[in-house]
Amino acid sequence: MITKWNKREKQIGLVIDNMAGILDDVDALSGGDLEVLPLLDDGREAE
């Protein structure tokens, strides 16, 4: 069970990292006008 949970935890970490990358890409495409969603907040201040 611990092995399965560790594998799942790594997968969740990868999903979070990929979502952060997508968010950065969309932010770059929008010219920085993208509002940061609280659930996806990576520590940046909303302008």
PDB file of N, CA and C in Angstrom:
ATOM      1  N   MET A   1       0.825  -1.196   0.000  1.00  0.00           N
ATOM      2  CA  MET A   1       0.000   0.000   0.000  1.00  0.00           C
ATOM      3  C   MET A   1       0.874   1.266   0.000  1.00  0.00           C
ATOM      4  N   ILE A   2       1.941   1.248   0.783  1.00  0.00           N
ATOM      5  CA  ILE A   2       2.832   2.416   0.851  1.00  0.00           C
ATOM      6  C   ILE A   2       3.485   2.659  -0.499  1.00  0.00           C
ATOM      7  N   THR A   3       3.883   1.597  -1.177  1.00  0.00           N
ATOM      8  CA  THR A   3       4.507   1.738  -2.497  1.00  0.00           C
ATOM      9  C   THR A   3       3.538   2.361  -3.489  1.00  0.00           C
ATOM     10  N   LYS A   4       2.286   1.906  -3.470  1.00  0.00           N
ATOM     11  CA  LYS A   4       1.278   2.468  -4.372  1.00  0.00           C
ATOM     12  C   LYS A   4       1.033   3.940  -4.064  1.00  0.00           C
ATOM     13  N   TRP A   5       0.976   4.272  -2.770  1.00  0.00           N
ATOM     14  CA  TRP A   5       0.736   5.665  -2.384  1.00  0.00           C
ATOM     15  C   TRP A   5       1.907   6.555  -2.819  1.00  0.00           C
ATOM     16  N   ASN A   6       3.136   6.089  -2.645  1.00  0.00           N
ATOM     17  CA  ASN A   6       4.304   6.863  -3.060  1.00  0.00           C
ATOM     18  C   ASN A   6       4.293   7.114  -4.564  1.00  0.00           C
ATOM     19  N   LYS A   7       3.905   6.089  -5.330  1.00  0.00           N
ATOM     20  CA  LYS A   7       3.819   6.246  -6.780  1.00  0.00           C
ATOM     21  C   LYS A   7       2.753   7.278  -7.136  1.00  0.00           C
ATOM     22  N   ARG A   8       1.599   7.199  -6.483  1.00  0.00           N
ATOM     23  CA  ARG A   8       0.498   8.135  -6.743  1.00  0.00           C
ATOM     24  C   ARG A   8       0.910   9.554  -6.360  1.00  0.00           C
ATOM     25  N   GLU A   9       1.632   9.694  -5.249  1.00  0.00           N
ATOM     26  CA  GLU A   9       2.092  11.007  -4.792  1.00  0.00           C
ATOM     27  C   GLU A   9       3.035  11.638  -5.822  1.00  0.00           C
ATOM     28  N   LYS A  10       3.908  10.842  -6.407  1.00  0.00           N
ATOM     29  CA  LYS A  10       4.811  11.344  -7.459  1.00  0.00           C
ATOM     30  C   LYS A  10       4.008  11.780  -8.685  1.00  0.00           C
ATOM     31  N   GLN A  11       2.982  11.002  -9.043  1.00  0.00           N
ATOM     32  CA  GLN A  11       2.147  11.360 -10.183  1.00  0.00           C
ATOM     33  C   GLN A  11       1.419  12.678  -9.936  1.00  0.00           C
ATOM     34  N   ILE A  12       0.918  12.863  -8.737  1.00  0.00           N
ATOM     35  CA  ILE A  12       0.233  14.110  -8.394  1.00  0.00           C
ATOM     36  C   ILE A  12       1.202  15.279  -8.474  1.00  0.00           C
ATOM     37  N   GLY A  13       2.422  15.080  -8.003  1.00  0.00           N
ATOM     38  CA  GLY A  13       3.450  16.126  -8.090  1.00  0.00           C
ATOM     39  C   GLY A  13       3.729  16.513  -9.537  1.00  0.00           C
ATOM     40  N   LEU A  14       3.794  15.535 -10.414  1.00  0.00           N
ATOM     41  CA  LEU A  14       4.021  15.804 -11.840  1.00  0.00           C
ATOM     42  C   LEU A  14       2.861  16.582 -12.447  1.00  0.00           C
ATOM     43  N   VAL A  15       1.638  16.228 -12.075  1.00  0.00           N
ATOM     44  CA  VAL A  15       0.467  16.946 -12.575  1.00  0.00           C
ATOM     45  C   VAL A  15       0.512  18.405 -12.124  1.00  0.00           C
ATOM     46  N   ILE A  16       0.846  18.629 -10.867  1.00  0.00           N
ATOM     47  CA  ILE A  16       0.926  19.994 -10.343  1.00  0.00           C
ATOM     48  C   ILE A  16       2.006  20.782 -11.076  1.00  0.00           C
ATOM     49  N   ASP A  17       3.168  20.168 -11.288  1.00  0.00           N
ATOM     50  CA  ASP A  17       4.251  20.838 -12.020  1.00  0.00           C
ATOM     51  C   ASP A  17       3.832  21.173 -13.447  1.00  0.00           C
ATOM     52  N   ASN A  18       3.150  20.238 -14.106  1.00  0.00           N
ATOM     53  CA  ASN A  18       2.697  20.474 -15.482  1.00  0.00           C
ATOM     54  C   ASN A  18       1.647  21.572 -15.542  1.00  0.00           C
ATOM     55  N   MET A  19       0.741  21.593 -14.571  1.00  0.00           N
ATOM     56  CA  MET A  19      -0.275  22.648 -14.538  1.00  0.00           C
ATOM     57  C   MET A  19       0.370  24.015 -14.315  1.00  0.00           C
ATOM     58  N   ALA A  20       1.397  24.068 -13.486  1.00  0.00           N
ATOM     59  CA  ALA A  20       2.108  25.328 -13.264  1.00  0.00           C
ATOM     60  C   ALA A  20       2.763  25.792 -14.564  1.00  0.00           C
ATOM     61  N   GLY A  21       3.316  24.843 -15.324  1.00  0.00           N
ATOM     62  CA  GLY A  21       3.919  25.180 -16.606  1.00  0.00           C
ATOM     63  C   GLY A  21       2.894  25.707 -17.596  1.00  0.00           C
ATOM     64  N   ILE A  22       1.741  25.070 -17.638  1.00  0.00           N
ATOM     65  CA  ILE A  22       0.667  25.521 -18.527  1.00  0.00           C
ATOM     66  C   ILE A  22       0.208  26.916 -18.120  1.00  0.00           C
ATOM     67  N   LEU A  23       0.058  27.141 -16.826  1.00  0.00           N
ATOM     68  CA  LEU A  23      -0.354  28.450 -16.326  1.00  0.00           C
ATOM     69  C   LEU A  23       0.655  29.528 -16.738  1.00  0.00           C
ATOM     70  N   ASP A  24       1.935  29.218 -16.624  1.00  0.00           N
ATOM     71  CA  ASP A  24       2.964  30.175 -17.046  1.00  0.00           C
ATOM     72  C   ASP A  24       2.902  30.445 -18.543  1.00  0.00           C
ATOM     73  N   ASP A  25       2.668  29.390 -19.339  1.00  0.00           N
ATOM     74  CA  ASP A  25       2.563  29.559 -20.788  1.00  0.00           C
ATOM     75  C   ASP A  25       1.367  30.445 -21.157  1.00  0.00           C
ATOM     76  N   VAL A  26       0.229  30.187 -20.536  1.00  0.00           N
ATOM     77  CA  VAL A  26      -0.961  30.989 -20.813  1.00  0.00           C
ATOM     78  C   VAL A  26      -0.742  32.434 -20.367  1.00  0.00           C
ATOM     79  N   ASP A  27      -0.091  32.608 -19.224  1.00  0.00           N
ATOM     80  CA  ASP A  27       0.207  33.953 -18.727  1.00  0.00           C
ATOM     81  C   ASP A  27       1.108  34.691 -19.712  1.00  0.00           C
ATOM     82  N   ALA A  28       2.107  34.006 -20.259  1.00  0.00           N
ATOM     83  CA  ALA A  28       3.002  34.627 -21.235  1.00  0.00           C
ATOM     84  C   ALA A  28       2.241  34.992 -22.506  1.00  0.00           C
ATOM     85  N   LEU A  29       1.356  34.104 -22.948  1.00  0.00           N
ATOM     86  CA  LEU A  29       0.580  34.376 -24.160  1.00  0.00           C
ATOM     87  C   LEU A  29      -0.394  35.537 -23.971  1.00  0.00           C
ATOM     88  N   SER A  30      -0.859  35.718 -22.744  1.00  0.00           N
ATOM     89  CA  SER A  30      -1.820  36.788 -22.481  1.00  0.00           C
ATOM     90  C   SER A  30      -1.122  38.112 -22.200  1.00  0.00           C
ATOM     91  N   GLY A  31       0.180  38.125 -22.252  1.00  0.00           N
ATOM     92  CA  GLY A  31       0.929  39.353 -22.004  1.00  0.00           C
ATOM     93  C   GLY A  31       0.957  39.744 -20.539  1.00  0.00           C
ATOM     94  N   GLY A  32       0.752  38.783 -19.653  1.00  0.00           N
ATOM     95  CA  GLY A  32       0.792  39.045 -18.226  1.00  0.00           C
ATOM     96  C   GLY A  32      -0.512  39.556 -17.656  1.00  0.00           C
ATOM     97  N   ASP A  33      -1.583  39.522 -18.457  1.00  0.00           N
ATOM     98  CA  ASP A  33      -2.886  40.017 -17.995  1.00  0.00           C
ATOM     99  C   ASP A  33      -3.730  38.947 -17.303  1.00  0.00           C
ATOM    100  N   LEU A  34      -3.180  37.770 -17.143  1.00  0.00           N
ATOM    101  CA  LEU A  34      -3.919  36.671 -16.548  1.00  0.00           C
ATOM    102  C   LEU A  34      -4.026  36.867 -15.035  1.00  0.00           C
ATOM    103  N   GLU A  35      -5.246  36.725 -14.508  1.00  0.00           N
ATOM    104  CA  GLU A  35      -5.431  36.798 -13.064  1.00  0.00           C
ATOM    105  C   GLU A  35      -5.065  35.453 -12.450  1.00  0.00           C
ATOM    106  N   VAL A  36      -4.390  35.488 -11.320  1.00  0.00           N
ATOM    107  CA  VAL A  36      -3.994  34.257 -10.652  1.00  0.00           C
ATOM    108  C   VAL A  36      -5.181  33.700  -9.895  1.00  0.00           C
ATOM    109  N   LEU A  37      -5.495  32.443 -10.150  1.00  0.00           N
ATOM    110  CA  LEU A  37      -6.586  31.773  -9.450  1.00  0.00           C
ATOM    111  C   LEU A  37      -6.077  31.295  -8.094  1.00  0.00           C
ATOM    112  N   PRO A  38      -6.845  31.485  -7.032  1.00  0.00           N
ATOM    113  CA  PRO A  38      -6.371  31.105  -5.702  1.00  0.00           C
ATOM    114  C   PRO A  38      -5.928  29.644  -5.598  1.00  0.00           C
ATOM    115  N   LEU A  39      -6.611  28.731  -6.260  1.00  0.00           N
ATOM    116  CA  LEU A  39      -6.248  27.318  -6.173  1.00  0.00           C
ATOM    117  C   LEU A  39      -4.976  26.999  -6.922  1.00  0.00           C
ATOM    118  N   LEU A  40      -4.620  27.841  -7.886  1.00  0.00           N
ATOM    119  CA  LEU A  40      -3.411  27.610  -8.668  1.00  0.00           C
ATOM    120  C   LEU A  40      -2.312  28.590  -8.301  1.00  0.00           C
ATOM    121  N   ASP A  41      -2.508  29.324  -7.220  1.00  0.00           N
ATOM    122  CA  ASP A  41      -1.566  30.351  -6.822  1.00  0.00           C
ATOM    123  C   ASP A  41      -0.197  29.741  -6.556  1.00  0.00           C
ATOM    124  N   ASP A  42       0.794  30.272  -7.222  1.00  0.00           N
ATOM    125  CA  ASP A  42       2.167  29.802  -7.019  1.00  0.00           C
ATOM    126  C   ASP A  42       2.989  30.796  -6.218  1.00  0.00           C
ATOM    127  N   GLY A  43       2.326  31.681  -5.486  1.00  0.00           N
ATOM    128  CA  GLY A  43       3.025  32.640  -4.654  1.00  0.00           C
ATOM    129  C   GLY A  43       3.123  34.020  -5.248  1.00  0.00           C
ATOM    130  N   ARG A  44       2.687  34.155  -6.521  1.00  0.00           N
ATOM    131  CA  ARG A  44       2.741  35.464  -7.163  1.00  0.00           C
ATOM    132  C   ARG A  44       1.597  36.319  -6.657  1.00  0.00           C
ATOM    133  N   GLU A  45       1.838  37.602  -6.565  1.00  0.00           N
ATOM    134  CA  GLU A  45       0.796  38.545  -6.168  1.00  0.00           C
ATOM    135  C   GLU A  45      -0.058  38.892  -7.377  1.00  0.00           C
ATOM    136  N   ALA A  46      -1.365  38.923  -7.213  1.00  0.00           N
ATOM    137  CA  ALA A  46      -2.258  39.371  -8.283  1.00  0.00           C
ATOM    138  C   ALA A  46      -2.145  40.874  -8.423  1.00  0.00           C
ATOM    139  N   GLU A  47      -2.081  41.337  -9.663  1.00  0.00           N
ATOM    140  CA  GLU A  47      -1.927  42.776  -9.910  1.00  0.00           C
ATOM    141  C   GLU A  47      -3.260  43.440 -10.086  1.00  0.00           C
TER     142      GLU A  47
END
